[in-house]
Amino acid sequence: MPRSQIKDEKQYQALRDQGMSKEKAARIANSNRKKTGKKGGKSPKYEDWSKSDLYDKAKEVGIEGRSEMNKDELIGALRNH
């Protein structure tokens, strides 16, 4: 059944079949394809961030259990969110 908030239902379903969360699959399926594939992020690598900055970013994106995570766990959670 098509969902009106999903721009590319076929891609969304393929991503869900690969095991992605509903949120991540929807983000990818709804992304602007002209801008999504372009490289050029100017942010430093997560390894260069302080634990405090990683925690704040994890809070911003809604990662649960962040207060119990060490720096490496925060990096992993952010990369896989």
N, C-alpha and C. Protein backbone atom coordinates (compact mmCIF):
# COMPACT_ATOMS: atom_id res chain seq x y z
N MET A 1 0.85 -1.18 0.00
CA MET A 1 0.00 0.00 0.00
C MET A 1 0.90 1.24 0.00
N PRO A 2 0.75 2.11 -0.97
CA PRO A 2 1.60 3.31 -1.04
C PRO A 2 1.35 4.28 0.11
N ARG A 3 2.42 4.89 0.58
CA ARG A 3 2.33 5.89 1.64
C ARG A 3 2.58 7.25 1.00
N SER A 4 1.72 8.20 1.25
CA SER A 4 1.81 9.50 0.60
C SER A 4 3.08 10.26 0.97
N GLN A 5 3.65 10.01 2.14
CA GLN A 5 4.84 10.74 2.56
C GLN A 5 6.13 10.15 1.98
N ILE A 6 6.07 9.00 1.33
CA ILE A 6 7.23 8.38 0.71
C ILE A 6 7.26 8.74 -0.76
N LYS A 7 8.36 9.37 -1.21
CA LYS A 7 8.45 9.81 -2.61
C LYS A 7 8.75 8.66 -3.56
N ASP A 8 9.59 7.71 -3.13
CA ASP A 8 9.97 6.60 -3.99
C ASP A 8 9.66 5.29 -3.26
N GLU A 9 8.44 4.83 -3.43
CA GLU A 9 7.96 3.64 -2.71
C GLU A 9 8.79 2.40 -3.05
N LYS A 10 9.17 2.25 -4.31
CA LYS A 10 9.95 1.08 -4.72
C LYS A 10 11.30 1.04 -4.00
N GLN A 11 11.98 2.17 -3.96
CA GLN A 11 13.25 2.24 -3.27
C GLN A 11 13.07 2.01 -1.77
N TYR A 12 12.03 2.61 -1.21
CA TYR A 12 11.73 2.44 0.22
C TYR A 12 11.58 0.95 0.55
N GLN A 13 10.79 0.24 -0.24
CA GLN A 13 10.55 -1.18 0.03
C GLN A 13 11.84 -1.99 -0.11
N ALA A 14 12.66 -1.66 -1.11
CA ALA A 14 13.93 -2.37 -1.29
C ALA A 14 14.84 -2.17 -0.08
N LEU A 15 14.87 -0.96 0.44
CA LEU A 15 15.70 -0.67 1.62
C LEU A 15 15.16 -1.38 2.85
N ARG A 16 13.86 -1.41 3.00
CA ARG A 16 13.25 -2.12 4.14
C ARG A 16 13.54 -3.62 4.05
N ASP A 17 13.50 -4.16 2.82
CA ASP A 17 13.81 -5.59 2.62
C ASP A 17 15.26 -5.90 2.97
N GLN A 18 16.14 -4.90 2.86
CA GLN A 18 17.55 -5.06 3.23
C GLN A 18 17.75 -4.96 4.74
N GLY A 19 16.70 -4.62 5.46
CA GLY A 19 16.78 -4.56 6.91
C GLY A 19 16.91 -3.17 7.50
N MET A 20 16.80 -2.13 6.69
CA MET A 20 16.89 -0.77 7.22
C MET A 20 15.64 -0.42 8.02
N SER A 21 15.83 0.46 8.98
CA SER A 21 14.68 0.92 9.77
C SER A 21 13.74 1.73 8.87
N LYS A 22 12.51 1.87 9.30
CA LYS A 22 11.54 2.66 8.54
C LYS A 22 12.03 4.09 8.38
N GLU A 23 12.59 4.64 9.46
CA GLU A 23 13.05 6.04 9.43
C GLU A 23 14.19 6.23 8.42
N LYS A 24 15.18 5.34 8.45
CA LYS A 24 16.33 5.49 7.56
C LYS A 24 15.92 5.25 6.11
N ALA A 25 15.08 4.23 5.87
CA ALA A 25 14.62 3.94 4.51
C ALA A 25 13.83 5.13 3.96
N ALA A 26 12.99 5.74 4.78
CA ALA A 26 12.20 6.89 4.33
C ALA A 26 13.10 8.08 4.04
N ARG A 27 14.12 8.31 4.88
CA ARG A 27 15.04 9.41 4.64
C ARG A 27 15.74 9.27 3.30
N ILE A 28 16.19 8.05 3.00
CA ILE A 28 16.89 7.81 1.74
C ILE A 28 15.93 7.92 0.56
N ALA A 29 14.76 7.30 0.67
CA ALA A 29 13.79 7.30 -0.43
C ALA A 29 13.25 8.70 -0.71
N ASN A 30 13.27 9.58 0.28
CA ASN A 30 12.76 10.93 0.10
C ASN A 30 13.85 11.95 -0.19
N SER A 31 15.10 11.51 -0.28
CA SER A 31 16.20 12.45 -0.48
C SER A 31 16.21 13.00 -1.90
N ASN A 32 16.77 14.19 -2.03
CA ASN A 32 16.93 14.84 -3.32
C ASN A 32 18.09 14.17 -4.04
N ARG A 33 17.81 13.45 -5.10
CA ARG A 33 18.84 12.65 -5.78
C ARG A 33 19.93 13.50 -6.42
N LYS A 34 19.61 14.72 -6.80
CA LYS A 34 20.63 15.57 -7.43
C LYS A 34 21.70 15.98 -6.42
N LYS A 35 21.33 16.10 -5.16
CA LYS A 35 22.27 16.55 -4.14
C LYS A 35 22.83 15.39 -3.31
N THR A 36 22.09 14.30 -3.19
CA THR A 36 22.46 13.22 -2.29
C THR A 36 23.79 12.57 -2.65
N GLY A 37 24.03 12.32 -3.91
CA GLY A 37 25.24 11.62 -4.31
C GLY A 37 26.48 12.48 -4.35
N LYS A 38 26.33 13.76 -4.19
CA LYS A 38 27.50 14.64 -4.26
C LYS A 38 28.33 14.55 -3.00
N LYS A 39 29.61 14.54 -3.19
CA LYS A 39 30.53 14.48 -2.07
C LYS A 39 30.99 15.90 -1.74
N GLY A 40 31.47 16.09 -0.59
CA GLY A 40 32.00 17.41 -0.28
C GLY A 40 31.69 17.86 1.12
N GLY A 41 31.36 16.94 2.02
CA GLY A 41 31.12 17.31 3.40
C GLY A 41 32.35 17.96 3.99
N LYS A 42 32.14 19.01 4.72
CA LYS A 42 33.27 19.74 5.27
C LYS A 42 33.44 19.49 6.77
N SER A 43 32.62 18.62 7.33
CA SER A 43 32.75 18.31 8.75
C SER A 43 33.94 17.39 8.98
N PRO A 44 34.60 17.54 10.12
CA PRO A 44 35.70 16.63 10.42
C PRO A 44 35.17 15.22 10.70
N LYS A 45 36.04 14.24 10.63
CA LYS A 45 35.67 12.87 10.94
C LYS A 45 35.19 12.80 12.38
N TYR A 46 34.24 11.88 12.64
CA TYR A 46 33.73 11.72 14.00
C TYR A 46 34.86 11.45 14.99
N GLU A 47 35.91 10.76 14.56
CA GLU A 47 37.02 10.46 15.47
C GLU A 47 37.71 11.73 15.98
N ASP A 48 37.57 12.82 15.22
CA ASP A 48 38.18 14.09 15.63
C ASP A 48 37.27 14.92 16.54
N TRP A 49 36.02 14.50 16.69
CA TRP A 49 35.07 15.22 17.54
C TRP A 49 35.32 14.86 19.00
N SER A 50 34.93 15.75 19.89
CA SER A 50 35.01 15.44 21.32
C SER A 50 33.82 14.55 21.67
N LYS A 51 33.95 13.84 22.78
CA LYS A 51 32.85 12.98 23.22
C LYS A 51 31.60 13.83 23.48
N SER A 52 31.80 15.01 24.02
CA SER A 52 30.68 15.91 24.30
C SER A 52 29.95 16.30 23.01
N ASP A 53 30.71 16.60 21.96
CA ASP A 53 30.10 16.96 20.68
C ASP A 53 29.36 15.77 20.08
N LEU A 54 29.95 14.58 20.20
CA LEU A 54 29.29 13.36 19.69
C LEU A 54 27.99 13.12 20.45
N TYR A 55 28.03 13.31 21.77
CA TYR A 55 26.83 13.14 22.59
C TYR A 55 25.74 14.11 22.14
N ASP A 56 26.11 15.36 21.93
CA ASP A 56 25.13 16.37 21.50
C ASP A 56 24.51 16.01 20.15
N LYS A 57 25.33 15.52 19.22
CA LYS A 57 24.82 15.11 17.91
C LYS A 57 23.89 13.90 18.06
N ALA A 58 24.26 12.95 18.91
CA ALA A 58 23.43 11.77 19.15
C ALA A 58 22.09 12.19 19.75
N LYS A 59 22.12 13.16 20.63
CA LYS A 59 20.88 13.68 21.22
C LYS A 59 20.02 14.33 20.15
N GLU A 60 20.66 15.11 19.27
CA GLU A 60 19.96 15.82 18.21
C GLU A 60 19.23 14.85 17.27
N VAL A 61 19.85 13.71 16.97
CA VAL A 61 19.23 12.76 16.04
C VAL A 61 18.40 11.69 16.75
N GLY A 62 18.36 11.73 18.08
CA GLY A 62 17.46 10.85 18.83
C GLY A 62 17.99 9.45 19.09
N ILE A 63 19.28 9.31 19.30
CA ILE A 63 19.85 8.00 19.60
C ILE A 63 19.61 7.68 21.07
N GLU A 64 18.97 6.55 21.30
CA GLU A 64 18.65 6.12 22.66
C GLU A 64 19.88 5.48 23.32
N GLY A 65 20.00 5.61 24.62
CA GLY A 65 21.08 5.01 25.38
C GLY A 65 22.41 5.72 25.26
N ARG A 66 22.40 6.92 24.71
CA ARG A 66 23.65 7.65 24.46
C ARG A 66 24.41 7.98 25.74
N SER A 67 23.70 8.16 26.84
CA SER A 67 24.38 8.55 28.08
C SER A 67 25.27 7.43 28.63
N GLU A 68 25.01 6.20 28.21
CA GLU A 68 25.81 5.06 28.67
C GLU A 68 26.92 4.71 27.69
N MET A 69 27.00 5.40 26.57
CA MET A 69 27.96 5.04 25.52
C MET A 69 29.30 5.74 25.70
N ASN A 70 30.37 5.03 25.30
CA ASN A 70 31.68 5.67 25.25
C ASN A 70 31.84 6.31 23.87
N LYS A 71 32.97 6.93 23.63
CA LYS A 71 33.17 7.67 22.38
C LYS A 71 33.04 6.76 21.16
N ASP A 72 33.66 5.59 21.18
CA ASP A 72 33.58 4.68 20.04
C ASP A 72 32.16 4.20 19.79
N GLU A 73 31.41 3.96 20.85
CA GLU A 73 30.01 3.53 20.70
C GLU A 73 29.15 4.65 20.12
N LEU A 74 29.40 5.88 20.55
CA LEU A 74 28.68 7.02 19.99
C LEU A 74 28.95 7.16 18.50
N ILE A 75 30.21 7.01 18.10
CA ILE A 75 30.58 7.08 16.69
C ILE A 75 29.85 6.01 15.90
N GLY A 76 29.84 4.79 16.40
CA GLY A 76 29.14 3.70 15.72
C GLY A 76 27.65 3.94 15.61
N ALA A 77 27.06 4.43 16.69
CA ALA A 77 25.62 4.70 16.67
C ALA A 77 25.27 5.81 15.67
N LEU A 78 26.10 6.84 15.61
CA LEU A 78 25.85 7.92 14.66
C LEU A 78 26.00 7.45 13.22
N ARG A 79 26.99 6.63 12.96
CA ARG A 79 27.21 6.14 11.60
C ARG A 79 26.12 5.18 11.15
N ASN A 80 25.51 4.49 12.07
CA ASN A 80 24.50 3.51 11.70
C ASN A 80 23.07 3.97 11.92
N HIS A 81 22.92 5.23 12.26
CA HIS A 81 21.57 5.75 12.50
C HIS A 81 20.90 6.10 11.20
